[in-house]
Amino acid sequence: MLTAVSGTSLPTENLEYNVEPQEISHPDVGRYFSEFTGTHYIPNAELEIRYPEDLEFVYETVQNIYSAKEDTAE
């Protein structure tokens, strides 16, 4: 379950990955992320320290999603 900003819960099985990720144009993005890599955002230093295990999970997830996309394109 993910909790949305409004406080409502979102069942993760209802979420879909964006097959063509794009950078988000919002003034608060820089408060939490240092850069957009083309597939995902890199957390800023404060969040990396607070949630050190997240980055490895993000890399694994991105690799699984986008390498599967490349495999089906071939």
Protein backbone atom coordinates (compact mmCIF):
# COMPACT_ATOMS: atom_id res chain seq x y z
CA MET A 1 0.00 0.00 0.00
CA LEU A 2 1.14 3.51 -0.80
CA THR A 3 -0.29 6.54 0.92
CA ALA A 4 -1.18 9.41 -1.38
CA VAL A 5 -0.61 13.02 -0.41
CA SER A 6 -4.29 13.39 0.42
CA GLY A 7 -3.97 10.57 2.97
CA THR A 8 -5.79 7.95 0.93
CA SER A 9 -4.23 4.54 0.45
CA LEU A 10 -3.42 3.18 -2.99
CA PRO A 11 -3.24 -0.60 -3.49
CA THR A 12 0.12 -1.23 -5.18
CA GLU A 13 -1.39 -3.88 -7.45
CA ASN A 14 -3.38 -1.09 -9.15
CA LEU A 15 -0.30 0.97 -10.00
CA GLU A 16 1.31 0.79 -13.44
CA TYR A 17 4.82 1.73 -14.51
CA ASN A 18 5.17 4.43 -17.10
CA VAL A 19 6.72 2.88 -20.21
CA GLU A 20 7.99 6.30 -21.30
CA PRO A 21 9.05 8.12 -18.12
CA GLN A 22 9.31 11.88 -18.28
CA GLU A 23 10.73 14.48 -15.96
CA ILE A 24 8.15 16.07 -13.66
CA SER A 25 7.92 19.84 -13.79
CA HIS A 26 7.09 20.76 -10.21
CA PRO A 27 8.87 23.18 -7.87
CA ASP A 28 9.05 20.66 -4.98
CA VAL A 29 10.86 17.92 -6.93
CA GLY A 30 14.22 19.45 -5.99
CA ARG A 31 13.36 19.17 -2.30
CA TYR A 32 13.52 15.39 -2.54
CA PHE A 33 15.54 14.48 -5.62
CA SER A 34 18.88 15.56 -7.02
CA GLU A 35 18.38 14.52 -10.65
CA PHE A 36 16.24 12.66 -13.18
CA THR A 37 18.10 9.89 -15.01
CA GLY A 38 15.64 9.34 -17.83
CA THR A 39 13.92 6.46 -16.03
CA HIS A 40 13.80 7.56 -12.39
CA TYR A 41 14.78 10.23 -9.91
CA ILE A 42 17.86 10.04 -7.69
CA PRO A 43 17.06 10.95 -4.06
CA ASN A 44 18.91 13.88 -2.56
CA ALA A 45 21.69 13.27 -0.02
CA GLU A 46 19.37 13.65 2.98
CA LEU A 47 16.97 10.97 1.72
CA GLU A 48 19.82 8.64 0.73
CA ILE A 49 21.06 8.78 4.32
CA ARG A 50 17.59 8.34 5.78
CA TYR A 51 16.60 5.46 3.46
CA PRO A 52 19.84 3.77 2.35
CA GLU A 53 18.12 0.56 1.20
CA ASP A 54 15.81 2.38 -1.21
CA LEU A 55 18.40 3.12 -3.89
CA GLU A 56 19.28 -0.56 -4.40
CA PHE A 57 15.57 -1.40 -4.64
CA VAL A 58 15.03 1.39 -7.20
CA TYR A 59 17.95 0.19 -9.35
CA GLU A 60 16.69 -3.40 -9.30
CA THR A 61 13.13 -2.34 -10.11
CA VAL A 62 14.19 -0.02 -12.96
CA GLN A 63 16.43 -2.70 -14.41
CA ASN A 64 13.65 -5.30 -14.28
CA ILE A 65 11.05 -3.02 -15.83
CA TYR A 66 13.08 -1.42 -18.58
CA SER A 67 15.21 -4.42 -19.54
CA ALA A 68 11.96 -6.39 -19.94
CA LYS A 69 10.67 -3.58 -22.17
CA GLU A 70 13.83 -3.77 -24.32
CA ASP A 71 13.55 -7.57 -24.57
CA THR A 72 9.99 -7.36 -25.91
CA ALA A 73 11.00 -4.65 -28.40
CA GLU A 74 13.59 -6.91 -30.06
